[in-house]
C-alpha cells in the first residue's frame, strides 16, 4: 500500500493559512493597521473600494523598510518582533506572528511601496497569489503603502462566502474604529468609495472618542481612573441615562 501522507506545496499551504488569518476584508485591514502602528506611524490613511473586494489600501508614514526587509516581509513566519522563545513572554507589539502579509499576498494582488528615511529610493514590489511579478526601486514617500486588490480572486469559495457590501464595510469600519480609539496620538483617515468617512486628527482620548462617535457623545462621557496592584485602568464610561439595551 503506498504512502498517503504528503507535504503540501507551499502555495497550497499559504492559501490554507490565508483562510485562517484573513477571513474577510476587515481581517486584512486589521493586520495592515496594526503593522502601521507598530512601524511608529503618526499618520495612517485607509482607502476602501467595493467593501474591500476591489481595493484595500493602507498608507502610513512609519519607519518604512529596506529592500531586503520588503522582500522578507512577504514570507511566512517572517517577523521583526521576535527572535527566540523568550521573546514570546515580552511582546509589546501586535503583529508578531509573521503570517499577515504572506497570507494576504497568497489570495490577492498586492503592491507594496516602502522607503526608510535614510534611503534615497524606495522599493516597489508587486505580487500576485504569492508570485512576485516585479521588484524594483521607486520614488515614494517615507513610510509604507500597501494596496491589496482583488481579494480572494483565487479562492472563489471564500469570496462567495462574503456578505453584502454594506455588511462587509461595517466590519471594516469596526476594525478601523478599534485601532483609532486605542491610538489617539495617531492621525487616521478613512475613505470609502472616494468618500471621506473619518478624518481624525491627533488629540486626547476624549477628542478621539468624539471624533469617532460624534459630537453628541461628549456630554455622555464620564472619565474613570483606577490604579490597583495588578492593573491600572483609565478611560471613559457613558452616563447611566444614556445606556440602552
C-alpha atoms as a PDB file:
ATOM      1  CA  UNK A   1       0.000   0.000   0.000  1.00  0.00           C
ATOM      2  CA  UNK A   2       1.538   3.375  -0.995  1.00  0.00           C
ATOM      3  CA  UNK A   3       2.189   6.176   1.475  1.00  0.00           C
ATOM      4  CA  UNK A   4      -0.768   8.524   1.890  1.00  0.00           C
ATOM      5  CA  UNK A   5       0.798  11.421   3.865  1.00  0.00           C
ATOM      6  CA  UNK A   6       2.142  14.220   1.677  1.00  0.00           C
ATOM      7  CA  UNK A   7       3.706  17.556   2.473  1.00  0.00           C
ATOM      8  CA  UNK A   8       1.570  20.325   0.996  1.00  0.00           C
ATOM      9  CA  UNK A   9       3.141  22.557  -1.655  1.00  0.00           C
ATOM     10  CA  UNK A  10       3.974  25.993  -0.275  1.00  0.00           C
ATOM     11  CA  UNK A  11       1.350  27.683  -2.481  1.00  0.00           C
ATOM     12  CA  UNK A  12      -1.437  25.463  -1.095  1.00  0.00           C
ATOM     13  CA  UNK A  13      -0.155  25.857   2.479  1.00  0.00           C
ATOM     14  CA  UNK A  14      -0.193  29.633   2.068  1.00  0.00           C
ATOM     15  CA  UNK A  15      -3.765  29.619   0.803  1.00  0.00           C
ATOM     16  CA  UNK A  16      -4.891  27.480   3.749  1.00  0.00           C
ATOM     17  CA  UNK A  17      -3.088  29.774   6.185  1.00  0.00           C
ATOM     18  CA  UNK A  18      -4.653  32.763   4.450  1.00  0.00           C
ATOM     19  CA  UNK A  19      -8.114  31.376   5.136  1.00  0.00           C
ATOM     20  CA  UNK A  20      -7.263  31.157   8.839  1.00  0.00           C
ATOM     21  CA  UNK A  21      -5.753  34.658   9.111  1.00  0.00           C
ATOM     22  CA  UNK A  22      -7.782  36.594   6.516  1.00  0.00           C
ATOM     23  CA  UNK A  23     -11.437  35.645   6.817  1.00  0.00           C
ATOM     24  CA  UNK A  24     -12.872  38.796   5.261  1.00  0.00           C
ATOM     25  CA  UNK A  25     -11.644  42.235   4.056  1.00  0.00           C
ATOM     26  CA  UNK A  26     -11.837  43.578   7.619  1.00  0.00           C
ATOM     27  CA  UNK A  27      -9.266  40.959   8.675  1.00  0.00           C
ATOM     28  CA  UNK A  28      -6.771  42.371   6.177  1.00  0.00           C
ATOM     29  CA  UNK A  29      -7.452  45.934   7.336  1.00  0.00           C
ATOM     30  CA  UNK A  30      -6.845  44.888  10.941  1.00  0.00           C
ATOM     31  CA  UNK A  31      -3.466  43.341  10.099  1.00  0.00           C
ATOM     32  CA  UNK A  32      -2.334  46.281   7.955  1.00  0.00           C
ATOM     33  CA  UNK A  33      -3.407  48.883  10.533  1.00  0.00           C
ATOM     34  CA  UNK A  34      -1.566  47.039  13.295  1.00  0.00           C
ATOM     35  CA  UNK A  35       1.575  46.904  11.154  1.00  0.00           C
ATOM     36  CA  UNK A  36       1.316  50.658  10.565  1.00  0.00           C
ATOM     37  CA  UNK A  37       1.014  51.327  14.299  1.00  0.00           C
ATOM     38  CA  UNK A  38       3.965  49.055  15.058  1.00  0.00           C
ATOM     39  CA  UNK A  39       6.008  50.929  12.424  1.00  0.00           C
ATOM     40  CA  UNK A  40       5.716  54.091  14.508  1.00  0.00           C
ATOM     41  CA  UNK A  41       3.416  55.943  12.118  1.00  0.00           C
ATOM     42  CA  UNK A  42       1.946  59.274  13.183  1.00  0.00           C
ATOM     43  CA  UNK A  43      -0.476  59.363  10.231  1.00  0.00           C
ATOM     44  CA  UNK A  44      -2.404  56.476   8.660  1.00  0.00           C
ATOM     45  CA  UNK A  45      -4.721  56.670   5.647  1.00  0.00           C
ATOM     46  CA  UNK A  46      -7.116  53.887   4.660  1.00  0.00           C
ATOM     47  CA  UNK A  47      -8.773  53.686   1.231  1.00  0.00           C
ATOM     48  CA  UNK A  48     -11.526  51.133   0.570  1.00  0.00           C
ATOM     49  CA  UNK A  49     -13.416  50.348  -2.639  1.00  0.00           C
ATOM     50  CA  UNK A  50     -16.332  47.950  -3.066  1.00  0.00           C
ATOM     51  CA  UNK A  51     -16.232  46.854   0.585  1.00  0.00           C
ATOM     52  CA  UNK A  52     -12.592  45.872   0.189  1.00  0.00           C
ATOM     53  CA  UNK A  53     -13.151  43.339  -2.589  1.00  0.00           C
ATOM     54  CA  UNK A  54     -11.699  45.657  -5.234  1.00  0.00           C
ATOM     55  CA  UNK A  55      -9.211  47.613  -3.115  1.00  0.00           C
ATOM     56  CA  UNK A  56      -7.868  47.884   0.423  1.00  0.00           C
ATOM     57  CA  UNK A  57      -5.115  50.487   0.639  1.00  0.00           C
ATOM     58  CA  UNK A  58      -3.270  51.455   3.838  1.00  0.00           C
ATOM     59  CA  UNK A  59      -0.687  54.259   3.699  1.00  0.00           C
ATOM     60  CA  UNK A  60       1.464  55.172   6.702  1.00  0.00           C
ATOM     61  CA  UNK A  61       4.420  57.450   7.430  1.00  0.00           C
ATOM     62  CA  UNK A  62       6.173  54.957   9.684  1.00  0.00           C
ATOM     63  CA  UNK A  63       9.768  53.768   9.611  1.00  0.00           C
ATOM     64  CA  UNK A  64       9.477  52.026   6.231  1.00  0.00           C
ATOM     65  CA  UNK A  65      11.504  49.014   5.137  1.00  0.00           C
ATOM     66  CA  UNK A  66      14.763  48.339   3.329  1.00  0.00           C
ATOM     67  CA  UNK A  67      14.697  46.434   0.047  1.00  0.00           C
ATOM     68  CA  UNK A  68      15.692  43.222   1.832  1.00  0.00           C
ATOM     69  CA  UNK A  69      13.076  43.643   4.565  1.00  0.00           C
ATOM     70  CA  UNK A  70      10.387  44.394   1.985  1.00  0.00           C
ATOM     71  CA  UNK A  71      11.172  41.078   0.284  1.00  0.00           C
ATOM     72  CA  UNK A  72      11.261  39.112   3.547  1.00  0.00           C
ATOM     73  CA  UNK A  73       8.031  40.563   4.952  1.00  0.00           C
ATOM     74  CA  UNK A  74       6.105  38.531   2.368  1.00  0.00           C
ATOM     75  CA  UNK A  75       7.499  35.221   3.617  1.00  0.00           C
ATOM     76  CA  UNK A  76       5.612  33.089   6.129  1.00  0.00           C
ATOM     77  CA  UNK A  77       6.813  33.380   9.732  1.00  0.00           C
ATOM     78  CA  UNK A  78       8.946  36.407   8.831  1.00  0.00           C
ATOM     79  CA  UNK A  79       8.734  38.998  11.617  1.00  0.00           C
ATOM     80  CA  UNK A  80      10.772  41.765  13.217  1.00  0.00           C
ATOM     81  CA  UNK A  81       9.059  41.280  16.568  1.00  0.00           C
ATOM     82  CA  UNK A  82      10.549  38.051  17.958  1.00  0.00           C
ATOM     83  CA  UNK A  83      13.761  36.045  17.526  1.00  0.00           C
ATOM     84  CA  UNK A  84      13.756  33.481  20.338  1.00  0.00           C
ATOM     85  CA  UNK A  85      11.222  31.689  22.532  1.00  0.00           C
ATOM     86  CA  UNK A  86      11.753  34.037  25.464  1.00  0.00           C
ATOM     87  CA  UNK A  87      10.579  36.959  23.326  1.00  0.00           C
ATOM     88  CA  UNK A  88       7.068  35.472  23.341  1.00  0.00           C
ATOM     89  CA  UNK A  89       6.763  36.461  27.003  1.00  0.00           C
ATOM     90  CA  UNK A  90       7.715  40.091  26.373  1.00  0.00           C
ATOM     91  CA  UNK A  91       5.626  41.042  23.356  1.00  0.00           C
ATOM     92  CA  UNK A  92       4.671  44.726  23.314  1.00  0.00           C
ATOM     93  CA  UNK A  93       3.551  44.922  19.692  1.00  0.00           C
ATOM     94  CA  UNK A  94       0.631  43.418  17.797  1.00  0.00           C
ATOM     95  CA  UNK A  95       1.527  41.648  14.551  1.00  0.00           C
ATOM     96  CA  UNK A  96       4.278  39.315  15.750  1.00  0.00           C
ATOM     97  CA  UNK A  97       3.286  36.061  14.003  1.00  0.00           C
ATOM     98  CA  UNK A  98       4.713  36.936  10.614  1.00  0.00           C
ATOM     99  CA  UNK A  99       1.677  35.489   8.852  1.00  0.00           C
ATOM    100  CA  UNK A 100      -0.336  38.534   7.801  1.00  0.00           C
ATOM    101  CA  UNK A 101       1.383  39.798   4.647  1.00  0.00           C
ATOM    102  CA  UNK A 102       2.198  36.295   3.411  1.00  0.00           C
ATOM    103  CA  UNK A 103      -1.440  35.291   3.854  1.00  0.00           C
ATOM    104  CA  UNK A 104      -2.765  38.411   2.120  1.00  0.00           C
ATOM    105  CA  UNK A 105      -0.315  38.018  -0.764  1.00  0.00           C
ATOM    106  CA  UNK A 106      -1.447  34.411  -1.275  1.00  0.00           C
ATOM    107  CA  UNK A 107      -5.045  35.431  -2.053  1.00  0.00           C
ATOM    108  CA  UNK A 108      -4.777  38.862  -3.676  1.00  0.00           C
ATOM    109  CA  UNK A 109      -2.835  41.173  -5.960  1.00  0.00           C
ATOM    110  CA  UNK A 110      -0.601  43.198  -3.646  1.00  0.00           C
ATOM    111  CA  UNK A 111       1.503  46.287  -4.326  1.00  0.00           C
ATOM    112  CA  UNK A 112       3.998  47.380  -1.667  1.00  0.00           C
ATOM    113  CA  UNK A 113       5.813  50.711  -1.792  1.00  0.00           C
ATOM    114  CA  UNK A 114       8.141  51.445   1.099  1.00  0.00           C
ATOM    115  CA  UNK A 115      11.046  53.720   1.956  1.00  0.00           C
ATOM    116  CA  UNK A 116      13.150  54.438   5.015  1.00  0.00           C
ATOM    117  CA  UNK A 117      14.123  57.996   5.942  1.00  0.00           C
ATOM    118  CA  UNK A 118      17.804  57.347   5.285  1.00  0.00           C
ATOM    119  CA  UNK A 119      17.252  55.892   1.790  1.00  0.00           C
ATOM    120  CA  UNK A 120      17.215  57.937  -1.419  1.00  0.00           C
ATOM    121  CA  UNK A 121      14.946  55.489  -3.219  1.00  0.00           C
ATOM    122  CA  UNK A 122      12.224  53.195  -2.010  1.00  0.00           C
ATOM    123  CA  UNK A 123      11.215  49.708  -3.096  1.00  0.00           C
ATOM    124  CA  UNK A 124       8.134  48.649  -5.045  1.00  0.00           C
ATOM    125  CA  UNK A 125       7.081  45.006  -5.084  1.00  0.00           C
ATOM    126  CA  UNK A 126       4.080  43.631  -6.969  1.00  0.00           C
ATOM    127  CA  UNK A 127       2.901  40.155  -6.052  1.00  0.00           C
ATOM    128  CA  UNK A 128       0.021  38.024  -7.303  1.00  0.00           C
ATOM    129  CA  UNK A 129      -1.022  34.900  -5.442  1.00  0.00           C
ATOM    130  CA  UNK A 130       2.412  34.563  -3.747  1.00  0.00           C
ATOM    131  CA  UNK A 131       4.238  35.064  -7.076  1.00  0.00           C
ATOM    132  CA  UNK A 132       6.485  38.135  -7.258  1.00  0.00           C
ATOM    133  CA  UNK A 133       5.681  39.896 -10.539  1.00  0.00           C
ATOM    134  CA  UNK A 134       8.089  42.822 -10.154  1.00  0.00           C
ATOM    135  CA  UNK A 135      10.632  44.113  -7.656  1.00  0.00           C
ATOM    136  CA  UNK A 136      12.298  47.431  -8.436  1.00  0.00           C
ATOM    137  CA  UNK A 137      13.428  50.753  -6.929  1.00  0.00           C
ATOM    138  CA  UNK A 138      10.870  53.553  -6.889  1.00  0.00           C
ATOM    139  CA  UNK A 139      10.396  57.106  -5.758  1.00  0.00           C
ATOM    140  CA  UNK A 140       7.938  57.271  -2.862  1.00  0.00           C
ATOM    141  CA  UNK A 141       7.322  58.981   0.448  1.00  0.00           C
ATOM    142  CA  UNK A 142       8.877  57.787   3.674  1.00  0.00           C
ATOM    143  CA  UNK A 143       6.801  55.006   5.203  1.00  0.00           C
ATOM    144  CA  UNK A 144       4.865  52.136   3.676  1.00  0.00           C
ATOM    145  CA  UNK A 145       1.958  51.903   1.249  1.00  0.00           C
ATOM    146  CA  UNK A 146       0.242  48.526   0.814  1.00  0.00           C
ATOM    147  CA  UNK A 147      -2.532  48.169  -1.774  1.00  0.00           C
ATOM    148  CA  UNK A 148      -4.493  44.905  -1.713  1.00  0.00           C
ATOM    149  CA  UNK A 149      -6.506  44.382  -4.898  1.00  0.00           C
ATOM    150  CA  UNK A 150      -8.970  41.661  -5.920  1.00  0.00           C
ATOM    151  CA  UNK A 151      -9.062  39.945  -2.533  1.00  0.00           C
ATOM    152  CA  UNK A 152      -9.846  36.199  -2.746  1.00  0.00           C
ATOM    153  CA  UNK A 153      -9.570  36.285  -6.555  1.00  0.00           C
ATOM    154  CA  UNK A 154      -8.081  32.768  -6.497  1.00  0.00           C
ATOM    155  CA  UNK A 155     -10.269  31.428  -3.666  1.00  0.00           C
ATOM    156  CA  UNK A 156     -13.778  31.776  -5.139  1.00  0.00           C
ATOM    157  CA  UNK A 157     -15.416  29.807  -2.330  1.00  0.00           C
ATOM    158  CA  UNK A 158     -14.147  32.306   0.228  1.00  0.00           C
ATOM    159  CA  UNK A 159     -15.168  35.255  -1.958  1.00  0.00           C
ATOM    160  CA  UNK A 160     -18.673  33.833  -2.357  1.00  0.00           C
ATOM    161  CA  UNK A 161     -18.883  33.478   1.421  1.00  0.00           C
ATOM    162  CA  UNK A 162     -18.602  37.252   1.893  1.00  0.00           C
ATOM    163  CA  UNK A 163     -21.716  39.159   2.914  1.00  0.00           C
ATOM    164  CA  UNK A 164     -23.214  42.175   1.158  1.00  0.00           C
ATOM    165  CA  UNK A 165     -21.109  45.308   0.629  1.00  0.00           C
ATOM    166  CA  UNK A 166     -22.811  47.266   3.471  1.00  0.00           C
ATOM    167  CA  UNK A 167     -22.164  44.411   5.924  1.00  0.00           C
ATOM    168  CA  UNK A 168     -18.518  43.973   4.915  1.00  0.00           C
ATOM    169  CA  UNK A 169     -17.996  47.756   5.001  1.00  0.00           C
ATOM    170  CA  UNK A 170     -19.392  47.856   8.548  1.00  0.00           C
ATOM    171  CA  UNK A 171     -16.866  45.208   9.618  1.00  0.00           C
ATOM    172  CA  UNK A 172     -14.064  47.295   8.079  1.00  0.00           C
ATOM    173  CA  UNK A 173     -15.247  50.421   9.893  1.00  0.00           C
ATOM    174  CA  UNK A 174     -15.450  48.479  13.173  1.00  0.00           C
ATOM    175  CA  UNK A 175     -11.806  47.397  12.866  1.00  0.00           C
ATOM    176  CA  UNK A 176     -10.764  50.925  11.885  1.00  0.00           C
ATOM    177  CA  UNK A 177     -12.555  52.395  14.900  1.00  0.00           C
ATOM    178  CA  UNK A 178     -10.988  49.902  17.334  1.00  0.00           C
ATOM    179  CA  UNK A 179      -7.467  50.829  16.291  1.00  0.00           C
ATOM    180  CA  UNK A 180      -8.226  54.550  16.023  1.00  0.00           C
ATOM    181  CA  UNK A 181      -9.723  54.632  19.524  1.00  0.00           C
ATOM    182  CA  UNK A 182      -6.688  52.903  21.010  1.00  0.00           C
ATOM    183  CA  UNK A 183      -4.211  55.379  19.476  1.00  0.00           C
ATOM    184  CA  UNK A 184      -5.461  58.974  19.772  1.00  0.00           C
ATOM    185  CA  UNK A 185      -1.845  60.109  19.283  1.00  0.00           C
ATOM    186  CA  UNK A 186      -2.005  58.940  15.638  1.00  0.00           C
ATOM    187  CA  UNK A 187      -3.965  60.737  12.907  1.00  0.00           C
ATOM    188  CA  UNK A 188      -6.292  58.416  10.969  1.00  0.00           C
ATOM    189  CA  UNK A 189      -8.437  58.892   7.884  1.00  0.00           C
ATOM    190  CA  UNK A 190     -10.770  56.510   6.074  1.00  0.00           C
ATOM    191  CA  UNK A 191     -12.099  56.837   2.534  1.00  0.00           C
ATOM    192  CA  UNK A 192     -14.847  54.532   1.282  1.00  0.00           C
ATOM    193  CA  UNK A 193     -15.569  54.615  -2.469  1.00  0.00           C
ATOM    194  CA  UNK A 194     -13.892  58.057  -2.714  1.00  0.00           C
ATOM    195  CA  UNK A 195     -15.972  59.494   0.167  1.00  0.00           C
ATOM    196  CA  UNK A 196     -14.163  60.580   3.337  1.00  0.00           C
ATOM    197  CA  UNK A 197     -15.829  58.767   6.241  1.00  0.00           C
ATOM    198  CA  UNK A 198     -13.372  59.711   9.011  1.00  0.00           C
ATOM    199  CA  UNK A 199     -10.761  62.431   9.375  1.00  0.00           C
ATOM    200  CA  UNK A 200      -9.294  62.038  12.868  1.00  0.00           C
ATOM    201  CA  UNK A 201      -6.547  64.405  13.970  1.00  0.00           C
ATOM    202  CA  UNK A 202      -4.153  63.726  16.841  1.00  0.00           C
ATOM    203  CA  UNK A 203      -5.536  64.700  20.243  1.00  0.00           C
ATOM    204  CA  UNK A 204      -6.756  63.481  23.609  1.00  0.00           C
ATOM    205  CA  UNK A 205      -8.725  60.289  24.166  1.00  0.00           C
ATOM    206  CA  UNK A 206     -11.912  62.315  24.715  1.00  0.00           C
ATOM    207  CA  UNK A 207     -11.361  64.106  21.398  1.00  0.00           C
ATOM    208  CA  UNK A 208     -10.821  60.779  19.656  1.00  0.00           C
ATOM    209  CA  UNK A 209     -13.998  59.252  21.120  1.00  0.00           C
ATOM    210  CA  UNK A 210     -15.990  62.282  19.985  1.00  0.00           C
ATOM    211  CA  UNK A 211     -14.289  62.173  16.573  1.00  0.00           C
ATOM    212  CA  UNK A 212     -15.238  58.526  16.096  1.00  0.00           C
ATOM    213  CA  UNK A 213     -18.775  58.511  17.536  1.00  0.00           C
ATOM    214  CA  UNK A 214     -19.917  62.107  17.041  1.00  0.00           C
ATOM    215  CA  UNK A 215     -20.165  65.355  18.999  1.00  0.00           C
ATOM    216  CA  UNK A 216     -23.229  64.283  20.948  1.00  0.00           C
ATOM    217  CA  UNK A 217     -21.041  61.741  22.765  1.00  0.00           C
ATOM    218  CA  UNK A 218     -19.109  64.493  24.535  1.00  0.00           C
ATOM    219  CA  UNK A 219     -21.860  65.076  27.097  1.00  0.00           C
ATOM    220  CA  UNK A 220     -22.290  61.331  27.675  1.00  0.00           C
ATOM    221  CA  UNK A 221     -18.712  60.647  28.789  1.00  0.00           C
ATOM    222  CA  UNK A 222     -17.594  60.217  32.391  1.00  0.00           C
ATOM    223  CA  UNK A 223     -13.824  59.885  32.955  1.00  0.00           C
ATOM    224  CA  UNK A 224     -12.656  56.969  35.095  1.00  0.00           C
ATOM    225  CA  UNK A 225      -9.270  56.115  36.555  1.00  0.00           C
ATOM    226  CA  UNK A 226      -8.352  53.295  38.895  1.00  0.00           C
ATOM    227  CA  UNK A 227      -4.910  52.150  39.992  1.00  0.00           C
ATOM    228  CA  UNK A 228      -4.788  48.668  41.503  1.00  0.00           C
ATOM    229  CA  UNK A 229      -1.936  46.338  42.400  1.00  0.00           C
ATOM    230  CA  UNK A 230      -2.365  44.258  39.235  1.00  0.00           C
ATOM    231  CA  UNK A 231      -3.761  46.698  36.690  1.00  0.00           C
ATOM    232  CA  UNK A 232      -4.257  50.396  36.007  1.00  0.00           C
ATOM    233  CA  UNK A 233      -7.478  51.401  34.232  1.00  0.00           C
ATOM    234  CA  UNK A 234      -8.273  54.757  32.677  1.00  0.00           C
ATOM    235  CA  UNK A 235     -10.732  55.907  30.070  1.00  0.00           C
ATOM    236  CA  UNK A 236     -14.419  56.787  29.831  1.00  0.00           C
ATOM    237  CA  UNK A 237     -17.803  55.248  30.525  1.00  0.00           C
ATOM    238  CA  UNK A 238     -21.162  56.602  29.434  1.00  0.00           C
ATOM    239  CA  UNK A 239     -23.639  58.094  31.874  1.00  0.00           C
ATOM    240  CA  UNK A 240     -26.419  55.700  33.009  1.00  0.00           C
ATOM    241  CA  UNK A 241     -29.171  57.844  31.490  1.00  0.00           C
ATOM    242  CA  UNK A 242     -27.669  57.264  28.044  1.00  0.00           C
ATOM    243  CA  UNK A 243     -27.457  53.479  28.426  1.00  0.00           C
ATOM    244  CA  UNK A 244     -29.619  51.284  26.208  1.00  0.00           C
ATOM    245  CA  UNK A 245     -30.291  47.612  25.724  1.00  0.00           C
END
